[in-house]
Amino acid sequence: MTTQAQDPTLIRNQPSLTTSTGRVWLFVGAVFALISIAVLIPMMGMHPPGVALVGICVIVGLYAAMVIARLVIDRQRLRLGVMAGCMGAMALVALVCTYWVASEAWRVTVFAV
């Protein structure tokens, strides 16, 4: 039997969080940021005003934080954890902003009758 410290199936023991250089996180983060921004740009003119724009700005800021973490943080595991956290935060921001704008549009459309 293996101990938890040696178990490669645990999330905290995955190579992307222990031995990666961080380039993969930057690439996947860039793709995710572009997709999220592409979804939020058409929503910029929808109600409530500014939600999509704020979401875009936060996503760009989180990607910039990923790049800065890659360049500044020396401890590999901490750097990868910060980059993964930024990626998760980008997903959360995109989801919340999209849901907020879409639910407001649905509320206005359905209850306007």
Protein backbone atom coordinates (compact mmCIF):
# COMPACT_ATOMS: atom_id res chain seq x y z
CA MET A 1 0.00 0.00 0.00
CA THR A 2 1.17 3.50 -0.74
CA THR A 3 1.00 6.37 1.66
CA GLN A 4 -0.77 9.61 0.84
CA ALA A 5 2.56 11.35 0.26
CA GLN A 6 3.40 8.87 -2.50
CA ASP A 7 -0.08 8.44 -4.01
CA PRO A 8 0.10 9.96 -7.54
CA THR A 9 -3.70 10.04 -7.83
CA LEU A 10 -4.14 12.71 -5.15
CA ILE A 11 -4.79 16.16 -6.56
CA ARG A 12 -1.95 17.73 -4.60
CA ASN A 13 0.49 15.17 -6.08
CA GLN A 14 -0.37 15.76 -9.74
CA PRO A 15 2.61 16.67 -11.96
CA SER A 16 0.90 19.88 -13.06
CA LEU A 17 1.09 21.06 -9.44
CA THR A 18 4.46 19.59 -8.48
CA THR A 19 6.93 19.42 -11.38
CA SER A 20 5.55 21.60 -14.20
CA THR A 21 7.46 24.65 -15.39
CA GLY A 22 4.25 26.67 -15.55
CA ARG A 23 4.22 27.14 -19.32
CA VAL A 24 1.21 24.83 -19.62
CA TRP A 25 -0.72 26.94 -17.10
CA LEU A 26 0.11 30.08 -19.09
CA PHE A 27 -1.01 28.49 -22.36
CA VAL A 28 -4.24 27.06 -20.97
CA GLY A 29 -4.90 30.30 -19.08
CA ALA A 30 -4.47 32.34 -22.26
CA VAL A 31 -6.86 30.09 -24.19
CA PHE A 32 -9.40 30.20 -21.37
CA ALA A 33 -9.08 33.98 -21.04
CA LEU A 34 -9.63 34.46 -24.78
CA ILE A 35 -12.70 32.21 -24.78
CA SER A 36 -14.13 33.94 -21.69
CA ILE A 37 -13.55 37.38 -23.18
CA ALA A 38 -15.10 36.28 -26.48
CA VAL A 39 -18.23 35.26 -24.55
CA LEU A 40 -18.35 38.45 -22.45
CA ILE A 41 -17.73 41.00 -25.24
CA PRO A 42 -21.20 40.57 -26.83
CA MET A 43 -22.72 40.96 -23.36
CA MET A 44 -21.15 44.37 -22.76
CA GLY A 45 -24.21 46.18 -24.05
CA MET A 46 -26.65 44.15 -22.01
CA HIS A 47 -28.16 44.93 -18.65
CA PRO A 48 -26.87 45.26 -15.91
CA PRO A 49 -24.39 47.72 -17.35
CA GLY A 50 -20.72 47.16 -16.65
CA VAL A 51 -20.88 43.57 -15.42
CA ALA A 52 -19.35 42.10 -18.57
CA LEU A 53 -16.72 44.85 -18.76
CA VAL A 54 -15.72 44.33 -15.13
CA GLY A 55 -15.54 40.58 -15.78
CA ILE A 56 -13.24 41.15 -18.76
CA CYS A 57 -10.99 43.44 -16.72
CA VAL A 58 -10.79 40.96 -13.83
CA ILE A 59 -9.99 38.08 -16.19
CA VAL A 60 -7.21 40.09 -17.83
CA GLY A 61 -5.90 41.02 -14.37
CA LEU A 62 -5.92 37.39 -13.23
CA TYR A 63 -4.04 36.32 -16.35
CA ALA A 64 -1.51 39.07 -15.69
CA ALA A 65 -1.18 37.72 -12.14
CA MET A 66 -0.46 34.28 -13.62
CA VAL A 67 2.34 35.70 -15.75
CA ILE A 68 3.76 37.67 -12.83
CA ALA A 69 3.61 34.59 -10.58
CA ARG A 70 5.47 32.59 -13.23
CA LEU A 71 8.23 35.20 -13.32
CA VAL A 72 8.48 36.19 -9.65
CA ILE A 73 7.73 33.24 -7.38
CA ASP A 74 10.77 31.00 -6.89
CA ARG A 75 9.21 28.08 -4.99
CA GLN A 76 7.89 25.80 -7.70
CA ARG A 77 4.96 24.26 -5.84
CA LEU A 78 3.78 27.66 -4.56
CA ARG A 79 4.12 29.18 -8.04
CA LEU A 80 2.09 26.39 -9.61
CA GLY A 81 -0.53 26.62 -6.87
CA VAL A 82 -0.90 30.37 -7.39
CA MET A 83 -1.20 29.87 -11.14
CA ALA A 84 -3.83 27.17 -10.66
CA GLY A 85 -5.70 29.43 -8.24
CA CYS A 86 -5.68 32.26 -10.79
CA MET A 87 -7.02 29.87 -13.42
CA GLY A 88 -9.82 28.77 -11.10
CA ALA A 89 -10.63 32.37 -10.24
CA MET A 90 -10.80 33.21 -13.95
CA ALA A 91 -13.32 30.41 -14.44
CA LEU A 92 -15.38 31.58 -11.47
CA VAL A 93 -15.42 35.22 -12.62
CA ALA A 94 -16.41 34.26 -16.17
CA LEU A 95 -19.17 31.99 -14.89
CA VAL A 96 -20.58 34.51 -12.41
CA CYS A 97 -20.56 37.39 -14.89
CA THR A 98 -22.12 35.31 -17.65
CA TYR A 99 -24.78 33.96 -15.30
CA TRP A 100 -25.55 37.43 -13.93
CA VAL A 101 -26.03 39.02 -17.35
CA ALA A 102 -27.94 36.03 -18.75
CA SER A 103 -30.25 35.77 -15.74
CA GLU A 104 -31.02 39.48 -15.91
CA ALA A 105 -31.79 39.19 -19.63
CA TRP A 106 -34.01 36.18 -18.95
CA ARG A 107 -35.80 37.97 -16.10
CA VAL A 108 -36.49 41.00 -18.24
CA THR A 109 -37.69 38.89 -21.19
CA VAL A 110 -39.90 36.50 -19.22
CA PHE A 111 -41.40 38.91 -16.73
CA ALA A 112 -41.88 41.80 -19.15
CA VAL A 113 -45.14 40.29 -20.40
